[in-house]
Amino acid sequence: MDNSLPEERARLGWSQQRLADELGVSRQTVISLEKGRHDPSLALAFRLAAVLGRPIEQLFAPDEDA
């Protein structure tokens, strides 16, 4: 799954640690999500959308290679 998490985080001027703190996850989790190594659970995707102030559809898109 492709995502715009790094761009959205940068838009807010947040570090990976700040986003992790807002979500209640580790910085490693944020890194893995941003790099596309792991897809978020549905619950985490909803939390990301709420914290970043964007709809889920704007944060995530199907991977074009899949």
PDB file of N, CA and C in Angstrom:
ATOM      1  N   MET A   1       0.846  -1.171   0.000  1.00  0.00           N
ATOM      2  CA  MET A   1       0.000   0.000   0.000  1.00  0.00           C
ATOM      3  C   MET A   1       0.895   1.239   0.000  1.00  0.00           C
ATOM      4  N   ASP A   2       0.609   2.154  -0.889  1.00  0.00           N
ATOM      5  CA  ASP A   2       1.328   3.427  -0.913  1.00  0.00           C
ATOM      6  C   ASP A   2       0.715   4.353   0.133  1.00  0.00           C
ATOM      7  N   ASN A   3       1.554   5.264   0.662  1.00  0.00           N
ATOM      8  CA  ASN A   3       1.018   6.212   1.636  1.00  0.00           C
ATOM      9  C   ASN A   3       1.708   7.561   1.516  1.00  0.00           C
ATOM     10  N   SER A   4       1.038   8.561   2.033  1.00  0.00           N
ATOM     11  CA  SER A   4       1.571   9.925   2.026  1.00  0.00           C
ATOM     12  C   SER A   4       1.934  10.371   3.441  1.00  0.00           C
ATOM     13  N   LEU A   5       2.243   9.415   4.304  1.00  0.00           N
ATOM     14  CA  LEU A   5       2.519   9.751   5.703  1.00  0.00           C
ATOM     15  C   LEU A   5       3.704  10.697   5.872  1.00  0.00           C
ATOM     16  N   PRO A   6       4.841  10.486   5.185  1.00  0.00           N
ATOM     17  CA  PRO A   6       5.964  11.422   5.381  1.00  0.00           C
ATOM     18  C   PRO A   6       5.594  12.861   4.987  1.00  0.00           C
ATOM     19  N   GLU A   7       4.853  12.997   3.890  1.00  0.00           N
ATOM     20  CA  GLU A   7       4.459  14.336   3.435  1.00  0.00           C
ATOM     21  C   GLU A   7       3.489  14.995   4.410  1.00  0.00           C
ATOM     22  N   GLU A   8       2.537  14.215   4.896  1.00  0.00           N
ATOM     23  CA  GLU A   8       1.566  14.766   5.845  1.00  0.00           C
ATOM     24  C   GLU A   8       2.222  15.121   7.172  1.00  0.00           C
ATOM     25  N   ARG A   9       3.150  14.306   7.604  1.00  0.00           N
ATOM     26  CA  ARG A   9       3.892  14.595   8.843  1.00  0.00           C
ATOM     27  C   ARG A   9       4.713  15.867   8.672  1.00  0.00           C
ATOM     28  N   ALA A  10       5.370  15.999   7.525  1.00  0.00           N
ATOM     29  CA  ALA A  10       6.179  17.190   7.246  1.00  0.00           C
ATOM     30  C   ALA A  10       5.295  18.441   7.168  1.00  0.00           C
ATOM     31  N   ARG A  11       4.089  18.286   6.618  1.00  0.00           N
ATOM     32  CA  ARG A  11       3.154  19.423   6.518  1.00  0.00           C
ATOM     33  C   ARG A  11       2.880  20.006   7.895  1.00  0.00           C
ATOM     34  N   LEU A  12       2.822  19.139   8.890  1.00  0.00           N
ATOM     35  CA  LEU A  12       2.568  19.588  10.256  1.00  0.00           C
ATOM     36  C   LEU A  12       3.845  20.010  10.977  1.00  0.00           C
ATOM     37  N   GLY A  13       4.995  19.748  10.364  1.00  0.00           N
ATOM     38  CA  GLY A  13       6.265  20.090  10.992  1.00  0.00           C
ATOM     39  C   GLY A  13       6.619  19.142  12.130  1.00  0.00           C
ATOM     40  N   TRP A  14       6.099  17.916  12.070  1.00  0.00           N
ATOM     41  CA  TRP A  14       6.307  16.945  13.130  1.00  0.00           C
ATOM     42  C   TRP A  14       7.450  16.006  12.802  1.00  0.00           C
ATOM     43  N   SER A  15       8.154  15.597  13.826  1.00  0.00           N
ATOM     44  CA  SER A  15       9.158  14.543  13.698  1.00  0.00           C
ATOM     45  C   SER A  15       8.445  13.184  13.724  1.00  0.00           C
ATOM     46  N   GLN A  16       9.181  12.145  13.365  1.00  0.00           N
ATOM     47  CA  GLN A  16       8.615  10.805  13.478  1.00  0.00           C
ATOM     48  C   GLN A  16       8.258  10.498  14.928  1.00  0.00           C
ATOM     49  N   GLN A  17       9.079  10.963  15.855  1.00  0.00           N
ATOM     50  CA  GLN A  17       8.806  10.722  17.273  1.00  0.00           C
ATOM     51  C   GLN A  17       7.528  11.421  17.708  1.00  0.00           C
ATOM     52  N   ARG A  18       7.302  12.636  17.240  1.00  0.00           N
ATOM     53  CA  ARG A  18       6.072  13.366  17.600  1.00  0.00           C
ATOM     54  C   ARG A  18       4.847  12.622  17.099  1.00  0.00           C
ATOM     55  N   LEU A  19       4.899  12.139  15.857  1.00  0.00           N
ATOM     56  CA  LEU A  19       3.766  11.383  15.330  1.00  0.00           C
ATOM     57  C   LEU A  19       3.563  10.108  16.137  1.00  0.00           C
ATOM     58  N   ALA A  20       4.645   9.432  16.459  1.00  0.00           N
ATOM     59  CA  ALA A  20       4.550   8.220  17.271  1.00  0.00           C
ATOM     60  C   ALA A  20       3.896   8.516  18.619  1.00  0.00           C
ATOM     61  N   ASP A  21       4.315   9.602  19.248  1.00  0.00           N
ATOM     62  CA  ASP A  21       3.746   9.989  20.539  1.00  0.00           C
ATOM     63  C   ASP A  21       2.249  10.285  20.420  1.00  0.00           C
ATOM     64  N   GLU A  22       1.868  10.983  19.366  1.00  0.00           N
ATOM     65  CA  GLU A  22       0.450  11.317  19.152  1.00  0.00           C
ATOM     66  C   GLU A  22      -0.391  10.053  18.959  1.00  0.00           C
ATOM     67  N   LEU A  23       0.212   9.035  18.328  1.00  0.00           N
ATOM     68  CA  LEU A  23      -0.504   7.795  18.026  1.00  0.00           C
ATOM     69  C   LEU A  23      -0.427   6.769  19.153  1.00  0.00           C
ATOM     70  N   GLY A  24       0.542   6.953  20.049  1.00  0.00           N
ATOM     71  CA  GLY A  24       0.747   5.965  21.105  1.00  0.00           C
ATOM     72  C   GLY A  24       1.444   4.710  20.603  1.00  0.00           C
ATOM     73  N   VAL A  25       2.326   4.883  19.606  1.00  0.00           N
ATOM     74  CA  VAL A  25       3.111   3.772  19.074  1.00  0.00           C
ATOM     75  C   VAL A  25       4.588   4.138  19.146  1.00  0.00           C
ATOM     76  N   SER A  26       5.447   3.205  18.776  1.00  0.00           N
ATOM     77  CA  SER A  26       6.885   3.482  18.780  1.00  0.00           C
ATOM     78  C   SER A  26       7.300   4.227  17.510  1.00  0.00           C
ATOM     79  N   ARG A  27       8.453   4.878  17.593  1.00  0.00           N
ATOM     80  CA  ARG A  27       9.017   5.543  16.425  1.00  0.00           C
ATOM     81  C   ARG A  27       9.309   4.525  15.328  1.00  0.00           C
ATOM     82  N   GLN A  28       9.731   3.323  15.724  1.00  0.00           N
ATOM     83  CA  GLN A  28       9.988   2.263  14.743  1.00  0.00           C
ATOM     84  C   GLN A  28       8.727   1.917  13.964  1.00  0.00           C
ATOM     85  N   THR A  29       7.578   1.940  14.615  1.00  0.00           N
ATOM     86  CA  THR A  29       6.315   1.672  13.924  1.00  0.00           C
ATOM     87  C   THR A  29       6.064   2.734  12.868  1.00  0.00           C
ATOM     88  N   VAL A  30       6.286   3.993  13.212  1.00  0.00           N
ATOM     89  CA  VAL A  30       6.091   5.084  12.248  1.00  0.00           C
ATOM     90  C   VAL A  30       7.050   4.913  11.073  1.00  0.00           C
ATOM     91  N   ILE A  31       8.300   4.592  11.347  1.00  0.00           N
ATOM     92  CA  ILE A  31       9.281   4.389  10.276  1.00  0.00           C
ATOM     93  C   ILE A  31       8.822   3.261   9.351  1.00  0.00           C
ATOM     94  N   SER A  32       8.386   2.138   9.922  1.00  0.00           N
ATOM     95  CA  SER A  32       7.932   0.997   9.118  1.00  0.00           C
ATOM     96  C   SER A  32       6.722   1.351   8.269  1.00  0.00           C
ATOM     97  N   LEU A  33       5.801   2.111   8.837  1.00  0.00           N
ATOM     98  CA  LEU A  33       4.629   2.541   8.068  1.00  0.00           C
ATOM     99  C   LEU A  33       5.022   3.468   6.935  1.00  0.00           C
ATOM    100  N   GLU A  34       5.855   4.461   7.225  1.00  0.00           N
ATOM    101  CA  GLU A  34       6.254   5.432   6.208  1.00  0.00           C
ATOM    102  C   GLU A  34       6.999   4.770   5.056  1.00  0.00           C
ATOM    103  N   LYS A  35       7.818   3.776   5.358  1.00  0.00           N
ATOM    104  CA  LYS A  35       8.595   3.091   4.317  1.00  0.00           C
ATOM    105  C   LYS A  35       7.794   2.015   3.601  1.00  0.00           C
ATOM    106  N   GLY A  36       6.574   1.771   4.055  1.00  0.00           N
ATOM    107  CA  GLY A  36       5.732   0.776   3.413  1.00  0.00           C
ATOM    108  C   GLY A  36       6.097  -0.655   3.749  1.00  0.00           C
ATOM    109  N   ARG A  37       6.883  -0.846   4.784  1.00  0.00           N
ATOM    110  CA  ARG A  37       7.246  -2.208   5.192  1.00  0.00           C
ATOM    111  C   ARG A  37       6.069  -2.915   5.841  1.00  0.00           C
ATOM    112  N   HIS A  38       5.185  -2.149   6.485  1.00  0.00           N
ATOM    113  CA  HIS A  38       3.997  -2.708   7.136  1.00  0.00           C
ATOM    114  C   HIS A  38       2.809  -1.804   6.829  1.00  0.00           C
ATOM    115  N   ASP A  39       1.667  -2.431   6.657  1.00  0.00           N
ATOM    116  CA  ASP A  39       0.422  -1.683   6.508  1.00  0.00           C
ATOM    117  C   ASP A  39      -0.200  -1.564   7.893  1.00  0.00           C
ATOM    118  N   PRO A  40      -0.846  -0.432   8.171  1.00  0.00           N
ATOM    119  CA  PRO A  40      -1.443  -0.262   9.496  1.00  0.00           C
ATOM    120  C   PRO A  40      -2.696  -1.112   9.659  1.00  0.00           C
ATOM    121  N   SER A  41      -3.005  -1.439  10.894  1.00  0.00           N
ATOM    122  CA  SER A  41      -4.304  -2.050  11.172  1.00  0.00           C
ATOM    123  C   SER A  41      -5.371  -1.007  10.852  1.00  0.00           C
ATOM    124  N   LEU A  42      -6.600  -1.456  10.731  1.00  0.00           N
ATOM    125  CA  LEU A  42      -7.690  -0.518  10.461  1.00  0.00           C
ATOM    126  C   LEU A  42      -7.808   0.518  11.571  1.00  0.00           C
ATOM    127  N   ALA A  43      -7.661   0.065  12.809  1.00  0.00           N
ATOM    128  CA  ALA A  43      -7.751   0.996  13.947  1.00  0.00           C
ATOM    129  C   ALA A  43      -6.641   2.041  13.875  1.00  0.00           C
ATOM    130  N   LEU A  44      -5.427   1.627  13.554  1.00  0.00           N
ATOM    131  CA  LEU A  44      -4.321   2.575  13.461  1.00  0.00           C
ATOM    132  C   LEU A  44      -4.508   3.513  12.276  1.00  0.00           C
ATOM    133  N   ALA A  45      -5.040   3.015  11.173  1.00  0.00           N
ATOM    134  CA  ALA A  45      -5.303   3.875  10.015  1.00  0.00           C
ATOM    135  C   ALA A  45      -6.295   4.980  10.383  1.00  0.00           C
ATOM    136  N   PHE A  46      -7.327   4.629  11.145  1.00  0.00           N
ATOM    137  CA  PHE A  46      -8.295   5.641  11.582  1.00  0.00           C
ATOM    138  C   PHE A  46      -7.643   6.648  12.527  1.00  0.00           C
ATOM    139  N   ARG A  47      -6.767   6.171  13.428  1.00  0.00           N
ATOM    140  CA  ARG A  47      -6.061   7.093  14.330  1.00  0.00           C
ATOM    141  C   ARG A  47      -5.148   8.026  13.542  1.00  0.00           C
ATOM    142  N   LEU A  48      -4.443   7.481  12.544  1.00  0.00           N
ATOM    143  CA  LEU A  48      -3.581   8.319  11.702  1.00  0.00           C
ATOM    144  C   LEU A  48      -4.406   9.405  11.011  1.00  0.00           C
ATOM    145  N   ALA A  49      -5.526   9.024  10.442  1.00  0.00           N
ATOM    146  CA  ALA A  49      -6.383   9.995   9.758  1.00  0.00           C
ATOM    147  C   ALA A  49      -6.836  11.094  10.717  1.00  0.00           C
ATOM    148  N   ALA A  50      -7.223  10.709  11.920  1.00  0.00           N
ATOM    149  CA  ALA A  50      -7.692  11.696  12.898  1.00  0.00           C
ATOM    150  C   ALA A  50      -6.559  12.619  13.327  1.00  0.00           C
ATOM    151  N   VAL A  51      -5.406  12.052  13.636  1.00  0.00           N
ATOM    152  CA  VAL A  51      -4.272  12.847  14.116  1.00  0.00           C
ATOM    153  C   VAL A  51      -3.752  13.782  13.030  1.00  0.00           C
ATOM    154  N   LEU A  52      -3.712  13.289  11.787  1.00  0.00           N
ATOM    155  CA  LEU A  52      -3.188  14.100  10.689  1.00  0.00           C
ATOM    156  C   LEU A  52      -4.242  15.009  10.061  1.00  0.00           C
ATOM    157  N   GLY A  53      -5.506  14.815  10.419  1.00  0.00           N
ATOM    158  CA  GLY A  53      -6.575  15.675   9.912  1.00  0.00           C
ATOM    159  C   GLY A  53      -6.870  15.473   8.442  1.00  0.00           C
ATOM    160  N   ARG A  54      -6.756  14.226   7.989  1.00  0.00           N
ATOM    161  CA  ARG A  54      -7.014  13.888   6.589  1.00  0.00           C
ATOM    162  C   ARG A  54      -7.875  12.631   6.521  1.00  0.00           C
ATOM    163  N   PRO A  55      -8.669  12.475   5.458  1.00  0.00           N
ATOM    164  CA  PRO A  55      -9.411  11.224   5.302  1.00  0.00           C
ATOM    165  C   PRO A  55      -8.447  10.074   4.986  1.00  0.00           C
ATOM    166  N   ILE A  56      -8.823   8.876   5.387  1.00  0.00           N
ATOM    167  CA  ILE A  56      -7.977   7.705   5.136  1.00  0.00           C
ATOM    168  C   ILE A  56      -7.619   7.594   3.657  1.00  0.00           C
ATOM    169  N   GLU A  57      -8.578   7.851   2.788  1.00  0.00           N
ATOM    170  CA  GLU A  57      -8.350   7.723   1.349  1.00  0.00           C
ATOM    171  C   GLU A  57      -7.253   8.657   0.852  1.00  0.00           C
ATOM    172  N   GLN A  58      -7.034   9.746   1.560  1.00  0.00           N
ATOM    173  CA  GLN A  58      -5.988  10.690   1.175  1.00  0.00           C
ATOM    174  C   GLN A  58      -4.625  10.232   1.695  1.00  0.00           C
ATOM    175  N   LEU A  59      -4.611   9.410   2.721  1.00  0.00           N
ATOM    176  CA  LEU A  59      -3.354   8.934   3.297  1.00  0.00           C
ATOM    177  C   LEU A  59      -2.851   7.651   2.646  1.00  0.00           C
ATOM    178  N   PHE A  60      -3.760   6.788   2.217  1.00  0.00           N
ATOM    179  CA  PHE A  60      -3.386   5.476   1.702  1.00  0.00           C
ATOM    180  C   PHE A  60      -4.005   5.207   0.347  1.00  0.00           C
ATOM    181  N   ALA A  61      -3.255   4.533  -0.506  1.00  0.00           N
ATOM    182  CA  ALA A  61      -3.741   4.144  -1.821  1.00  0.00           C
ATOM    183  C   ALA A  61      -3.210   2.754  -2.124  1.00  0.00           C
ATOM    184  N   PRO A  62      -3.942   1.977  -2.910  1.00  0.00           N
ATOM    185  CA  PRO A  62      -3.452   0.656  -3.272  1.00  0.00           C
ATOM    186  C   PRO A  62      -2.091   0.754  -3.970  1.00  0.00           C
ATOM    187  N   ASP A  63      -1.246  -0.218  -3.687  1.00  0.00           N
ATOM    188  CA  ASP A  63       0.066  -0.288  -4.318  1.00  0.00           C
ATOM    189  C   ASP A  63      -0.137  -0.636  -5.782  1.00  0.00           C
ATOM    190  N   GLU A  64       0.419   0.157  -6.667  1.00  0.00           N
ATOM    191  CA  GLU A  64       0.226  -0.060  -8.098  1.00  0.00           C
ATOM    192  C   GLU A  64       0.887  -1.342  -8.581  1.00  0.00           C
ATOM    193  N   ASP A  65       1.854  -1.868  -7.831  1.00  0.00           N
ATOM    194  CA  ASP A  65       2.533  -3.097  -8.209  1.00  0.00           C
ATOM    195  C   ASP A  65       1.783  -4.341  -7.771  1.00  0.00           C
ATOM    196  N   ALA A  66       0.787  -4.160  -6.903  1.00  0.00           N
ATOM    197  CA  ALA A  66       0.083  -5.328  -6.349  1.00  0.00           C
ATOM    198  C   ALA A  66      -0.984  -5.825  -7.295  1.00  0.00           C
TER     199      ALA A  66
END
